[in-house]
Amino acid sequence: MVKDEYNGLQYTLKASPSVKKLMQLRYKLSNSTFLFKRDQFIATTIDTTLGENETEILFIGAYYKVMKRLLKNITVIVLKNIFKIRNTKKPFNSILKQASDNMNCLNNKWLKNESSCPVN
C-alpha cells in the first residue's frame, strides 16, 4: 500500500509536464483513499497483534486517524491535543501555499516576460 503510493509519486516526478498535472490531480483525488487504507491497516495490525495484558506504544502524527478504528477494549492515552496541532498547522499550510502560488506567478511572469503578477 505504501509502496504503491511511493511508486505513484515517483512516476509523477519523472513524468512529462502534461502527464504530471494529470497525475497530481489523480493523487489529490485518491489521497483520502490512501490515508484511509493506511489508517485501517495500522489499526488492524494493532488489533490482531496486541495480546491480552500487553502494552504497545505508537508514535504517530496528528493527521493519522487510527484511534477511531481500534477495538473498543484498547485504551489510548494521547499525549498532545491532536485538534490543537491540526488547527495550528492549517494557517502555516495556507501561508506556504500562498508563497508557492506567488513564486509560480513570478516564474511565469519572468518566463513569459509579462508585466503584472498579483503578488500578495
PDB file of N, CA and C in Angstrom:
ATOM      1  N   MET A   1       0.824  -1.187   0.000  1.00  0.00           N
ATOM      2  CA  MET A   1       0.000   0.000   0.000  1.00  0.00           C
ATOM      3  C   MET A   1       0.874   1.258   0.000  1.00  0.00           C
ATOM      4  N   VAL A   2       1.807   1.355   0.937  1.00  0.00           N
ATOM      5  CA  VAL A   2       2.715   2.498   0.980  1.00  0.00           C
ATOM      6  C   VAL A   2       3.610   2.484  -0.251  1.00  0.00           C
ATOM      7  N   LYS A   3       4.008   1.286  -0.652  1.00  0.00           N
ATOM      8  CA  LYS A   3       4.856   1.145  -1.837  1.00  0.00           C
ATOM      9  C   LYS A   3       4.110   1.622  -3.084  1.00  0.00           C
ATOM     10  N   ASP A   4       2.812   1.314  -3.184  1.00  0.00           N
ATOM     11  CA  ASP A   4       2.015   1.773  -4.319  1.00  0.00           C
ATOM     12  C   ASP A   4       1.978   3.294  -4.369  1.00  0.00           C
ATOM     13  N   GLU A   5       1.766   3.912  -3.210  1.00  0.00           N
ATOM     14  CA  GLU A   5       1.724   5.373  -3.149  1.00  0.00           C
ATOM     15  C   GLU A   5       3.091   5.952  -3.527  1.00  0.00           C
ATOM     16  N   TYR A   6       4.154   5.359  -3.001  1.00  0.00           N
ATOM     17  CA  TYR A   6       5.507   5.811  -3.305  1.00  0.00           C
ATOM     18  C   TYR A   6       5.795   5.694  -4.802  1.00  0.00           C
ATOM     19  N   ASN A   7       5.469   4.543  -5.386  1.00  0.00           N
ATOM     20  CA  ASN A   7       5.707   4.332  -6.814  1.00  0.00           C
ATOM     21  C   ASN A   7       4.929   5.336  -7.667  1.00  0.00           C
ATOM     22  N   GLY A   8       3.695   5.618  -7.261  1.00  0.00           N
ATOM     23  CA  GLY A   8       2.893   6.607  -7.983  1.00  0.00           C
ATOM     24  C   GLY A   8       3.519   7.991  -7.928  1.00  0.00           C
ATOM     25  N   LEU A   9       4.033   8.364  -6.761  1.00  0.00           N
ATOM     26  CA  LEU A   9       4.685   9.665  -6.624  1.00  0.00           C
ATOM     27  C   LEU A   9       5.980   9.724  -7.439  1.00  0.00           C
ATOM     28  N   GLN A  10       6.745   8.638  -7.435  1.00  0.00           N
ATOM     29  CA  GLN A  10       7.981   8.586  -8.219  1.00  0.00           C
ATOM     30  C   GLN A  10       7.676   8.704  -9.717  1.00  0.00           C
ATOM     31  N   TYR A  11       6.633   8.025 -10.174  1.00  0.00           N
ATOM     32  CA  TYR A  11       6.237   8.103 -11.582  1.00  0.00           C
ATOM     33  C   TYR A  11       5.842   9.536 -11.939  1.00  0.00           C
ATOM     34  N   THR A  12       5.109  10.172 -11.032  1.00  0.00           N
ATOM     35  CA  THR A  12       4.663  11.549 -11.256  1.00  0.00           C
ATOM     36  C   THR A  12       5.857  12.493 -11.395  1.00  0.00           C
ATOM     37  N   LEU A  13       6.847  12.315 -10.535  1.00  0.00           N
ATOM     38  CA  LEU A  13       8.024  13.184 -10.580  1.00  0.00           C
ATOM     39  C   LEU A  13       8.800  13.053 -11.888  1.00  0.00           C
ATOM     40  N   LYS A  14       8.780  11.870 -12.486  1.00  0.00           N
ATOM     41  CA  LYS A  14       9.544  11.619 -13.708  1.00  0.00           C
ATOM     42  C   LYS A  14       8.731  11.890 -14.982  1.00  0.00           C
ATOM     43  N   ALA A  15       7.458  12.166 -14.838  1.00  0.00           N
ATOM     44  CA  ALA A  15       6.574  12.308 -15.998  1.00  0.00           C
ATOM     45  C   ALA A  15       6.764  13.650 -16.699  1.00  0.00           C
ATOM     46  N   SER A  16       6.262  13.714 -17.915  1.00  0.00           N
ATOM     47  CA  SER A  16       6.273  14.973 -18.671  1.00  0.00           C
ATOM     48  C   SER A  16       5.320  15.956 -17.983  1.00  0.00           C
ATOM     49  N   PRO A  17       5.451  17.259 -18.249  1.00  0.00           N
ATOM     50  CA  PRO A  17       4.611  18.249 -17.565  1.00  0.00           C
ATOM     51  C   PRO A  17       3.110  17.996 -17.692  1.00  0.00           C
ATOM     52  N   SER A  18       2.644  17.615 -18.882  1.00  0.00           N
ATOM     53  CA  SER A  18       1.202  17.389 -19.046  1.00  0.00           C
ATOM     54  C   SER A  18       0.740  16.154 -18.273  1.00  0.00           C
ATOM     55  N   VAL A  19       1.529  15.095 -18.318  1.00  0.00           N
ATOM     56  CA  VAL A  19       1.189  13.876 -17.564  1.00  0.00           C
ATOM     57  C   VAL A  19       1.305  14.151 -16.070  1.00  0.00           C
ATOM     58  N   LYS A  20       2.285  14.952 -15.681  1.00  0.00           N
ATOM     59  CA  LYS A  20       2.496  15.294 -14.273  1.00  0.00           C
ATOM     60  C   LYS A  20       1.255  15.979 -13.698  1.00  0.00           C
ATOM     61  N   LYS A  21       0.666  16.908 -14.461  1.00  0.00           N
ATOM     62  CA  LYS A  21      -0.539  17.601 -13.994  1.00  0.00           C
ATOM     63  C   LYS A  21      -1.680  16.608 -13.758  1.00  0.00           C
ATOM     64  N   LEU A  22      -1.853  15.677 -14.694  1.00  0.00           N
ATOM     65  CA  LEU A  22      -2.904  14.665 -14.548  1.00  0.00           C
ATOM     66  C   LEU A  22      -2.644  13.763 -13.341  1.00  0.00           C
ATOM     67  N   MET A  23      -1.383  13.374 -13.165  1.00  0.00           N
ATOM     68  CA  MET A  23      -1.027  12.505 -12.040  1.00  0.00           C
ATOM     69  C   MET A  23      -1.204  13.224 -10.706  1.00  0.00           C
ATOM     70  N   GLN A  24      -0.881  14.516 -10.671  1.00  0.00           N
ATOM     71  CA  GLN A  24      -1.076  15.283  -9.440  1.00  0.00           C
ATOM     72  C   GLN A  24      -2.558  15.370  -9.096  1.00  0.00           C
ATOM     73  N   LEU A  25      -3.389  15.569 -10.090  1.00  0.00           N
ATOM     74  CA  LEU A  25      -4.836  15.608  -9.874  1.00  0.00           C
ATOM     75  C   LEU A  25      -5.324  14.255  -9.373  1.00  0.00           C
ATOM     76  N   ARG A  26      -4.845  13.187 -10.009  1.00  0.00           N
ATOM     77  CA  ARG A  26      -5.229  11.828  -9.589  1.00  0.00           C
ATOM     78  C   ARG A  26      -4.820  11.589  -8.144  1.00  0.00           C
ATOM     79  N   TYR A  27      -3.608  12.020  -7.780  1.00  0.00           N
ATOM     80  CA  TYR A  27      -3.117  11.833  -6.410  1.00  0.00           C
ATOM     81  C   TYR A  27      -3.985  12.596  -5.419  1.00  0.00           C
ATOM     82  N   LYS A  28      -4.329  13.839  -5.760  1.00  0.00           N
ATOM     83  CA  LYS A  28      -5.165  14.632  -4.855  1.00  0.00           C
ATOM     84  C   LYS A  28      -6.528  13.971  -4.647  1.00  0.00           C
ATOM     85  N   LEU A  29      -7.080  13.418  -5.730  1.00  0.00           N
ATOM     86  CA  LEU A  29      -8.393  12.779  -5.641  1.00  0.00           C
ATOM     87  C   LEU A  29      -8.342  11.451  -4.881  1.00  0.00           C
ATOM     88  N   SER A  30      -7.229  10.723  -5.004  1.00  0.00           N
ATOM     89  CA  SER A  30      -7.139   9.411  -4.353  1.00  0.00           C
ATOM     90  C   SER A  30      -6.419   9.457  -3.013  1.00  0.00           C
ATOM     91  N   ASN A  31      -5.910  10.618  -2.618  1.00  0.00           N
ATOM     92  CA  ASN A  31      -5.136  10.724  -1.386  1.00  0.00           C
ATOM     93  C   ASN A  31      -5.940  10.292  -0.162  1.00  0.00           C
ATOM     94  N   SER A  32      -7.203  10.671  -0.085  1.00  0.00           N
ATOM     95  CA  SER A  32      -8.009  10.291   1.078  1.00  0.00           C
ATOM     96  C   SER A  32      -8.193   8.779   1.147  1.00  0.00           C
ATOM     97  N   THR A  33      -8.248   8.114  -0.009  1.00  0.00           N
ATOM     98  CA  THR A  33      -8.336   6.651  -0.029  1.00  0.00           C
ATOM     99  C   THR A  33      -7.058   6.031   0.513  1.00  0.00           C
ATOM    100  N   PHE A  34      -5.901   6.569   0.095  1.00  0.00           N
ATOM    101  CA  PHE A  34      -4.623   6.087   0.622  1.00  0.00           C
ATOM    102  C   PHE A  34      -4.576   6.254   2.140  1.00  0.00           C
ATOM    103  N   LEU A  35      -4.983   7.423   2.620  1.00  0.00           N
ATOM    104  CA  LEU A  35      -4.924   7.703   4.057  1.00  0.00           C
ATOM    105  C   LEU A  35      -5.853   6.774   4.832  1.00  0.00           C
ATOM    106  N   PHE A  36      -7.055   6.542   4.305  1.00  0.00           N
ATOM    107  CA  PHE A  36      -7.997   5.645   4.960  1.00  0.00           C
ATOM    108  C   PHE A  36      -7.426   4.230   5.039  1.00  0.00           C
ATOM    109  N   LYS A  37      -6.891   3.734   3.923  1.00  0.00           N
ATOM    110  CA  LYS A  37      -6.323   2.380   3.899  1.00  0.00           C
ATOM    111  C   LYS A  37      -5.132   2.266   4.842  1.00  0.00           C
ATOM    112  N   ARG A  38      -4.303   3.299   4.887  1.00  0.00           N
ATOM    113  CA  ARG A  38      -3.144   3.304   5.769  1.00  0.00           C
ATOM    114  C   ARG A  38      -3.573   3.224   7.231  1.00  0.00           C
ATOM    115  N   ASP A  39      -4.528   4.078   7.615  1.00  0.00           N
ATOM    116  CA  ASP A  39      -5.005   4.091   8.999  1.00  0.00           C
ATOM    117  C   ASP A  39      -5.685   2.779   9.360  1.00  0.00           C
ATOM    118  N   GLN A  40      -6.463   2.227   8.431  1.00  0.00           N
ATOM    119  CA  GLN A  40      -7.139   0.954   8.671  1.00  0.00           C
ATOM    120  C   GLN A  40      -6.122  -0.173   8.836  1.00  0.00           C
ATOM    121  N   PHE A  41      -5.075  -0.170   8.022  1.00  0.00           N
ATOM    122  CA  PHE A  41      -4.024  -1.184   8.120  1.00  0.00           C
ATOM    123  C   PHE A  41      -3.338  -1.128   9.485  1.00  0.00           C
ATOM    124  N   ILE A  42      -3.000   0.066   9.941  1.00  0.00           N
ATOM    125  CA  ILE A  42      -2.334   0.224  11.242  1.00  0.00           C
ATOM    126  C   ILE A  42      -3.243  -0.276  12.357  1.00  0.00           C
ATOM    127  N   ALA A  43      -4.509   0.132  12.340  1.00  0.00           N
ATOM    128  CA  ALA A  43      -5.451  -0.282  13.381  1.00  0.00           C
ATOM    129  C   ALA A  43      -5.648  -1.797  13.378  1.00  0.00           C
ATOM    130  N   THR A  44      -5.802  -2.388  12.214  1.00  0.00           N
ATOM    131  CA  THR A  44      -5.993  -3.838  12.112  1.00  0.00           C
ATOM    132  C   THR A  44      -4.763  -4.581  12.624  1.00  0.00           C
ATOM    133  N   THR A  45      -3.586  -4.079  12.289  1.00  0.00           N
ATOM    134  CA  THR A  45      -2.349  -4.708  12.757  1.00  0.00           C
ATOM    135  C   THR A  45      -2.266  -4.671  14.276  1.00  0.00           C
ATOM    136  N   ILE A  46      -2.612  -3.536  14.860  1.00  0.00           N
ATOM    137  CA  ILE A  46      -2.605  -3.424  16.326  1.00  0.00           C
ATOM    138  C   ILE A  46      -3.636  -4.377  16.921  1.00  0.00           C
ATOM    139  N   ASP A  47      -4.840  -4.374  16.368  1.00  0.00           N
ATOM    140  CA  ASP A  47      -5.919  -5.233  16.885  1.00  0.00           C
ATOM    141  C   ASP A  47      -5.550  -6.709  16.841  1.00  0.00           C
ATOM    142  N   THR A  48      -4.846  -7.128  15.806  1.00  0.00           N
ATOM    143  CA  THR A  48      -4.554  -8.559  15.650  1.00  0.00           C
ATOM    144  C   THR A  48      -3.269  -9.001  16.339  1.00  0.00           C
ATOM    145  N   THR A  49      -2.379  -8.063  16.645  1.00  0.00           N
ATOM    146  CA  THR A  49      -1.102  -8.470  17.236  1.00  0.00           C
ATOM    147  C   THR A  49      -0.973  -8.145  18.723  1.00  0.00           C
ATOM    148  N   LEU A  50      -1.777  -7.242  19.228  1.00  0.00           N
ATOM    149  CA  LEU A  50      -1.683  -6.859  20.635  1.00  0.00           C
ATOM    150  C   LEU A  50      -2.380  -7.905  21.494  1.00  0.00           C
ATOM    151  N   GLY A  51      -1.602  -8.569  22.328  1.00  0.00           N
ATOM    152  CA  GLY A  51      -2.160  -9.610  23.179  1.00  0.00           C
ATOM    153  C   GLY A  51      -2.784  -9.045  24.447  1.00  0.00           C
ATOM    154  N   GLU A  52      -3.506  -9.907  25.156  1.00  0.00           N
ATOM    155  CA  GLU A  52      -4.149  -9.509  26.411  1.00  0.00           C
ATOM    156  C   GLU A  52      -3.078  -9.120  27.427  1.00  0.00           C
ATOM    157  N   ASN A  53      -3.309  -8.056  28.151  1.00  0.00           N
ATOM    158  CA  ASN A  53      -2.388  -7.517  29.162  1.00  0.00           C
ATOM    159  C   ASN A  53      -1.059  -7.056  28.583  1.00  0.00           C
ATOM    160  N   GLU A  54      -1.003  -6.798  27.288  1.00  0.00           N
ATOM    161  CA  GLU A  54       0.205  -6.253  26.672  1.00  0.00           C
ATOM    162  C   GLU A  54       0.045  -4.752  26.475  1.00  0.00           C
ATOM    163  N   THR A  55       1.162  -4.069  26.420  1.00  0.00           N
ATOM    164  CA  THR A  55       1.167  -2.627  26.194  1.00  0.00           C
ATOM    165  C   THR A  55       1.902  -2.351  24.897  1.00  0.00           C
ATOM    166  N   GLU A  56       1.359  -1.453  24.135  1.00  0.00           N
ATOM    167  CA  GLU A  56       2.005  -1.044  22.893  1.00  0.00           C
ATOM    168  C   GLU A  56       2.142   0.465  22.907  1.00  0.00           C
ATOM    169  N   ILE A  57       3.236   0.955  22.390  1.00  0.00           N
ATOM    170  CA  ILE A  57       3.439   2.396  22.260  1.00  0.00           C
ATOM    171  C   ILE A  57       3.459   2.712  20.772  1.00  0.00           C
ATOM    172  N   LEU A  58       2.651   3.662  20.393  1.00  0.00           N
ATOM    173  CA  LEU A  58       2.558   4.058  18.994  1.00  0.00           C
ATOM    174  C   LEU A  58       2.817   5.555  18.899  1.00  0.00           C
ATOM    175  N   PHE A  59       3.892   5.913  18.246  1.00  0.00           N
ATOM    176  CA  PHE A  59       4.198   7.315  17.977  1.00  0.00           C
ATOM    177  C   PHE A  59       3.706   7.598  16.565  1.00  0.00           C
ATOM    178  N   ILE A  60       2.789   8.542  16.454  1.00  0.00           N
ATOM    179  CA  ILE A  60       2.151   8.763  15.157  1.00  0.00           C
ATOM    180  C   ILE A  60       1.779  10.232  15.023  1.00  0.00           C
ATOM    181  N   GLY A  61       1.737  10.715  13.802  1.00  0.00           N
ATOM    182  CA  GLY A  61       1.423  12.118  13.549  1.00  0.00           C
ATOM    183  C   GLY A  61      -0.027  12.459  13.835  1.00  0.00           C
ATOM    184  N   ALA A  62      -0.272  13.753  13.984  1.00  0.00           N
ATOM    185  CA  ALA A  62      -1.604  14.246  14.352  1.00  0.00           C
ATOM    186  C   ALA A  62      -2.649  14.007  13.268  1.00  0.00           C
ATOM    187  N   TYR A  63      -2.212  13.798  12.028  1.00  0.00           N
ATOM    188  CA  TYR A  63      -3.180  13.624  10.942  1.00  0.00           C
ATOM    189  C   TYR A  63      -3.583  12.176  10.700  1.00  0.00           C
ATOM    190  N   TYR A  64      -2.983  11.258  11.422  1.00  0.00           N
ATOM    191  CA  TYR A  64      -3.419   9.862  11.354  1.00  0.00           C
ATOM    192  C   TYR A  64      -4.717   9.745  12.136  1.00  0.00           C
ATOM    193  N   LYS A  65      -5.615   8.896  11.684  1.00  0.00           N
ATOM    194  CA  LYS A  65      -6.903   8.713  12.359  1.00  0.00           C
ATOM    195  C   LYS A  65      -7.079   7.242  12.712  1.00  0.00           C
ATOM    196  N   VAL A  66      -6.096   6.724  13.438  1.00  0.00           N
ATOM    197  CA  VAL A  66      -6.070   5.309  13.794  1.00  0.00           C
ATOM    198  C   VAL A  66      -6.979   5.033  14.993  1.00  0.00           C
ATOM    199  N   MET A  67      -7.023   5.940  15.942  1.00  0.00           N
ATOM    200  CA  MET A  67      -7.719   5.678  17.212  1.00  0.00           C
ATOM    201  C   MET A  67      -9.178   5.287  17.034  1.00  0.00           C
ATOM    202  N   LYS A  68      -9.877   5.950  16.145  1.00  0.00           N
ATOM    203  CA  LYS A  68     -11.303   5.640  15.982  1.00  0.00           C
ATOM    204  C   LYS A  68     -11.534   4.300  15.274  1.00  0.00           C
ATOM    205  N   ARG A  69     -10.479   3.695  14.761  1.00  0.00           N
ATOM    206  CA  ARG A  69     -10.600   2.398  14.093  1.00  0.00           C
ATOM    207  C   ARG A  69     -10.144   1.235  14.966  1.00  0.00           C
ATOM    208  N   LEU A  70      -9.647   1.544  16.165  1.00  0.00           N
ATOM    209  CA  LEU A  70      -9.193   0.491  17.081  1.00  0.00           C
ATOM    210  C   LEU A  70     -10.383  -0.166  17.780  1.00  0.00           C
ATOM    211  N   LEU A  71     -10.174  -1.385  18.244  1.00  0.00           N
ATOM    212  CA  LEU A  71     -11.206  -2.057  19.031  1.00  0.00           C
ATOM    213  C   LEU A  71     -11.484  -1.251  20.297  1.00  0.00           C
ATOM    214  N   LYS A  72     -12.700  -1.321  20.790  1.00  0.00           N
ATOM    215  CA  LYS A  72     -13.106  -0.517  21.952  1.00  0.00           C
ATOM    216  C   LYS A  72     -12.405  -0.921  23.236  1.00  0.00           C
ATOM    217  N   ASN A  73     -11.879  -2.136  23.321  1.00  0.00           N
ATOM    218  CA  ASN A  73     -11.228  -2.572  24.559  1.00  0.00           C
ATOM    219  C   ASN A  73      -9.762  -2.140  24.645  1.00  0.00           C
ATOM    220  N   ILE A  74      -9.296  -1.361  23.679  1.00  0.00           N
ATOM    221  CA  ILE A  74      -7.925  -0.845  23.698  1.00  0.00           C
ATOM    222  C   ILE A  74      -7.951   0.569  24.270  1.00  0.00           C
ATOM    223  N   THR A  75      -7.168   0.781  25.317  1.00  0.00           N
ATOM    224  CA  THR A  75      -7.087   2.097  25.945  1.00  0.00           C
ATOM    225  C   THR A  75      -6.019   2.927  25.255  1.00  0.00           C
ATOM    226  N   VAL A  76      -6.387   4.139  24.885  1.00  0.00           N
ATOM    227  CA  VAL A  76      -5.462   5.039  24.207  1.00  0.00           C
ATOM    228  C   VAL A  76      -5.204   6.239  25.105  1.00  0.00           C
ATOM    229  N   ILE A  77      -3.936   6.550  25.318  1.00  0.00           N
ATOM    230  CA  ILE A  77      -3.552   7.739  26.074  1.00  0.00           C
ATOM    231  C   ILE A  77      -2.872   8.684  25.087  1.00  0.00           C
ATOM    232  N   VAL A  78      -3.497   9.813  24.844  1.00  0.00           N
ATOM    233  CA  VAL A  78      -2.972  10.793  23.896  1.00  0.00           C
ATOM    234  C   VAL A  78      -2.124  11.796  24.675  1.00  0.00           C
ATOM    235  N   LEU A  79      -0.918  12.044  24.202  1.00  0.00           N
ATOM    236  CA  LEU A  79      -0.001  12.922  24.920  1.00  0.00           C
ATOM    237  C   LEU A  79      -0.142  14.392  24.536  1.00  0.00           C
ATOM    238  N   LYS A  80      -0.669  14.662  23.368  1.00  0.00           N
ATOM    239  CA  LYS A  80      -0.851  16.048  22.926  1.00  0.00           C
ATOM    240  C   LYS A  80      -2.259  16.210  22.366  1.00  0.00           C
ATOM    241  N   ASN A  81      -2.740  17.435  22.383  1.00  0.00           N
ATOM    242  CA  ASN A  81      -4.060  17.738  21.852  1.00  0.00           C
ATOM    243  C   ASN A  81      -4.005  17.720  20.315  1.00  0.00           C
ATOM    244  N   ILE A  82      -4.536  16.659  19.744  1.00  0.00           N
ATOM    245  CA  ILE A  82      -4.477  16.455  18.296  1.00  0.00           C
ATOM    246  C   ILE A  82      -5.157  17.591  17.537  1.00  0.00           C
ATOM    247  N   PHE A  83      -6.322  18.030  18.007  1.00  0.00           N
ATOM    248  CA  PHE A  83      -7.071  19.061  17.293  1.00  0.00           C
ATOM    249  C   PHE A  83      -6.333  20.398  17.327  1.00  0.00           C
ATOM    250  N   LYS A  84      -5.667  20.675  18.429  1.00  0.00           N
ATOM    251  CA  LYS A  84      -4.882  21.909  18.531  1.00  0.00           C
ATOM    252  C   LYS A  84      -3.723  21.876  17.538  1.00  0.00           C
ATOM    253  N   ILE A  85      -3.068  20.730  17.424  1.00  0.00           N
ATOM    254  CA  ILE A  85      -1.957  20.586  16.474  1.00  0.00           C
ATOM    255  C   ILE A  85      -2.457  20.743  15.046  1.00  0.00           C
ATOM    256  N   ARG A  86      -3.569  20.103  14.730  1.00  0.00           N
ATOM    257  CA  ARG A  86      -4.125  20.193  13.377  1.00  0.00           C
ATOM    258  C   ARG A  86      -4.493  21.638  13.040  1.00  0.00           C
ATOM    259  N   ASN A  87      -5.111  22.337  13.974  1.00  0.00           N
ATOM    260  CA  ASN A  87      -5.534  23.714  13.720  1.00  0.00           C
ATOM    261  C   ASN A  87      -4.352  24.671  13.648  1.00  0.00           C
ATOM    262  N   THR A  88      -3.271  24.390  14.359  1.00  0.00           N
ATOM    263  CA  THR A  88      -2.097  25.251  14.312  1.00  0.00           C
ATOM    264  C   THR A  88      -1.408  25.136  12.975  1.00  0.00           C
ATOM    265  N   LYS A  89      -1.443  23.976  12.388  1.00  0.00           N
ATOM    266  CA  LYS A  89      -0.734  23.746  11.132  1.00  0.00           C
ATOM    267  C   LYS A  89      -1.478  24.352   9.944  1.00  0.00           C
ATOM    268  N   LYS A  90      -2.805  24.498  10.025  1.00  0.00           N
ATOM    269  CA  LYS A  90      -3.581  24.995   8.889  1.00  0.00           C
ATOM    270  C   LYS A  90      -3.138  26.386   8.434  1.00  0.00           C
ATOM    271  N   PRO A  91      -2.992  27.373   9.347  1.00  0.00           N
ATOM    272  CA  PRO A  91      -2.539  28.689   8.873  1.00  0.00           C
ATOM    273  C   PRO A  91      -1.159  28.622   8.219  1.00  0.00           C
ATOM    274  N   PHE A  92      -0.281  27.797   8.755  1.00  0.00           N
ATOM    275  CA  PHE A  92       1.055  27.648   8.186  1.00  0.00           C
ATOM    276  C   PHE A  92       0.969  27.081   6.782  1.00  0.00           C
ATOM    277  N   ASN A  93       0.101  26.072   6.586  1.00  0.00           N
ATOM    278  CA  ASN A  93      -0.068  25.486   5.250  1.00  0.00           C
ATOM    279  C   ASN A  93      -0.594  26.512   4.260  1.00  0.00           C
ATOM    280  N   SER A  94      -1.529  27.374   4.695  1.00  0.00           N
ATOM    281  CA  SER A  94      -2.073  28.373   3.778  1.00  0.00           C
ATOM    282  C   SER A  94      -1.010  29.416   3.424  1.00  0.00           C
ATOM    283  N   ILE A  95      -0.116  29.736   4.371  1.00  0.00           N
ATOM    284  CA  ILE A  95       0.981  30.661   4.084  1.00  0.00           C
ATOM    285  C   ILE A  95       1.924  30.036   3.064  1.00  0.00           C
ATOM    286  N   LEU A  96       2.246  28.744   3.250  1.00  0.00           N
ATOM    287  CA  LEU A  96       3.117  28.052   2.296  1.00  0.00           C
ATOM    288  C   LEU A  96       2.490  28.014   0.908  1.00  0.00           C
ATOM    289  N   LYS A  97       1.187  27.730   0.846  1.00  0.00           N
ATOM    290  CA  LYS A  97       0.507  27.671  -0.450  1.00  0.00           C
ATOM    291  C   LYS A  97       0.535  29.030  -1.124  1.00  0.00           C
ATOM    292  N   GLN A  98       0.266  30.085  -0.362  1.00  0.00           N
ATOM    293  CA  GLN A  98       0.279  31.432  -0.935  1.00  0.00           C
ATOM    294  C   GLN A  98       1.682  31.772  -1.450  1.00  0.00           C
ATOM    295  N   ALA A  99       2.712  31.431  -0.679  1.00  0.00           N
ATOM    296  CA  ALA A  99       4.090  31.695  -1.110  1.00  0.00           C
ATOM    297  C   ALA A  99       4.406  30.907  -2.386  1.00  0.00           C
ATOM    298  N   SER A 100       3.964  29.657  -2.434  1.00  0.00           N
ATOM    299  CA  SER A 100       4.191  28.829  -3.612  1.00  0.00           C
ATOM    300  C   SER A 100       3.475  29.409  -4.829  1.00  0.00           C
ATOM    301  N   ASP A 101       2.212  29.834  -4.642  1.00  0.00           N
ATOM    302  CA  ASP A 101       1.458  30.447  -5.741  1.00  0.00           C
ATOM    303  C   ASP A 101       2.154  31.716  -6.238  1.00  0.00           C
ATOM    304  N   ASN A 102       2.642  32.508  -5.298  1.00  0.00           N
ATOM    305  CA  ASN A 102       3.336  33.740  -5.687  1.00  0.00           C
ATOM    306  C   ASN A 102       4.607  33.432  -6.470  1.00  0.00           C
ATOM    307  N   MET A 103       5.360  32.418  -6.026  1.00  0.00           N
ATOM    308  CA  MET A 103       6.582  32.037  -6.742  1.00  0.00           C
ATOM    309  C   MET A 103       6.257  31.533  -8.150  1.00  0.00           C
ATOM    310  N   ASN A 104       5.201  30.734  -8.268  1.00  0.00           N
ATOM    311  CA  ASN A 104       4.799  30.240  -9.590  1.00  0.00           C
ATOM    312  C   ASN A 104       4.418  31.389 -10.507  1.00  0.00           C
ATOM    313  N   CYS A 105       3.688  32.345  -9.949  1.00  0.00           N
ATOM    314  CA  CYS A 105       3.272  33.504 -10.740  1.00  0.00           C
ATOM    315  C   CYS A 105       4.485  34.298 -11.196  1.00  0.00           C
ATOM    316  N   LEU A 106       5.427  34.530 -10.279  1.00  0.00           N
ATOM    317  CA  LEU A 106       6.634  35.274 -10.631  1.00  0.00           C
ATOM    318  C   LEU A 106       7.469  34.520 -11.666  1.00  0.00           C
ATOM    319  N   ASN A 107       7.567  33.201 -11.536  1.00  0.00           N
ATOM    320  CA  ASN A 107       8.297  32.404 -12.523  1.00  0.00           C
ATOM    321  C   ASN A 107       7.646  32.512 -13.895  1.00  0.00           C
ATOM    322  N   ASN A 108       6.317  32.392 -13.929  1.00  0.00           N
ATOM    323  CA  ASN A 108       5.599  32.504 -15.201  1.00  0.00           C
ATOM    324  C   ASN A 108       5.775  33.891 -15.803  1.00  0.00           C
ATOM    325  N   LYS A 109       5.723  34.906 -14.934  1.00  0.00           N
ATOM    326  CA  LYS A 109       5.894  36.288 -15.390  1.00  0.00           C
ATOM    327  C   LYS A 109       7.272  36.448 -16.036  1.00  0.00           C
ATOM    328  N   TRP A 110       8.289  35.905 -15.382  1.00  0.00           N
ATOM    329  CA  TRP A 110       9.651  36.015 -15.894  1.00  0.00           C
ATOM    330  C   TRP A 110       9.815  35.241 -17.207  1.00  0.00           C
ATOM    331  N   LEU A 111       9.260  34.005 -17.231  1.00  0.00           N
ATOM    332  CA  LEU A 111       9.392  33.178 -18.427  1.00  0.00           C
ATOM    333  C   LEU A 111       8.644  33.762 -19.629  1.00  0.00           C
ATOM    334  N   LYS A 112       7.482  34.341 -19.364  1.00  0.00           N
ATOM    335  CA  LYS A 112       6.654  34.859 -20.458  1.00  0.00           C
ATOM    336  C   LYS A 112       6.881  36.346 -20.688  1.00  0.00           C
ATOM    337  N   ASN A 113       7.729  36.939 -19.868  1.00  0.00           N
ATOM    338  CA  ASN A 113       8.032  38.363 -19.963  1.00  0.00           C
ATOM    339  C   ASN A 113       6.764  39.201 -19.804  1.00  0.00           C
ATOM    340  N   GLU A 114       5.916  38.810 -18.852  1.00  0.00           N
ATOM    341  CA  GLU A 114       4.694  39.560 -18.572  1.00  0.00           C
ATOM    342  C   GLU A 114       5.000  40.668 -17.586  1.00  0.00           C
ATOM    343  N   SER A 115       4.135  41.664 -17.549  1.00  0.00           N
ATOM    344  CA  SER A 115       4.419  42.825 -16.705  1.00  0.00           C
ATOM    345  C   SER A 115       3.647  42.832 -15.391  1.00  0.00           C
ATOM    346  N   SER A 116       2.651  41.979 -15.245  1.00  0.00           N
ATOM    347  CA  SER A 116       1.886  42.040 -14.000  1.00  0.00           C
ATOM    348  C   SER A 116       1.746  40.658 -13.381  1.00  0.00           C
ATOM    349  N   CYS A 117       1.685  40.662 -12.061  1.00  0.00           N
ATOM    350  CA  CYS A 117       1.502  39.422 -11.301  1.00  0.00           C
ATOM    351  C   CYS A 117       0.864  39.804  -9.976  1.00  0.00           C
ATOM    352  N   PRO A 118      -0.290  39.237  -9.653  1.00  0.00           N
ATOM    353  CA  PRO A 118      -0.973  39.626  -8.405  1.00  0.00           C
ATOM    354  C   PRO A 118      -0.323  39.023  -7.167  1.00  0.00           C
ATOM    355  N   VAL A 119       0.829  39.517  -6.788  1.00  0.00           N
ATOM    356  CA  VAL A 119       1.518  39.015  -5.609  1.00  0.00           C
ATOM    357  C   VAL A 119       0.952  39.696  -4.373  1.00  0.00           C
ATOM    358  N   ASN A 120       0.588  38.874  -3.379  1.00  0.00           N
ATOM    359  CA  ASN A 120       0.014  39.415  -2.144  1.00  0.00           C
ATOM    360  C   ASN A 120       1.104  39.722  -1.146  1.00  0.00           C
TER     361      ASN A 120
END
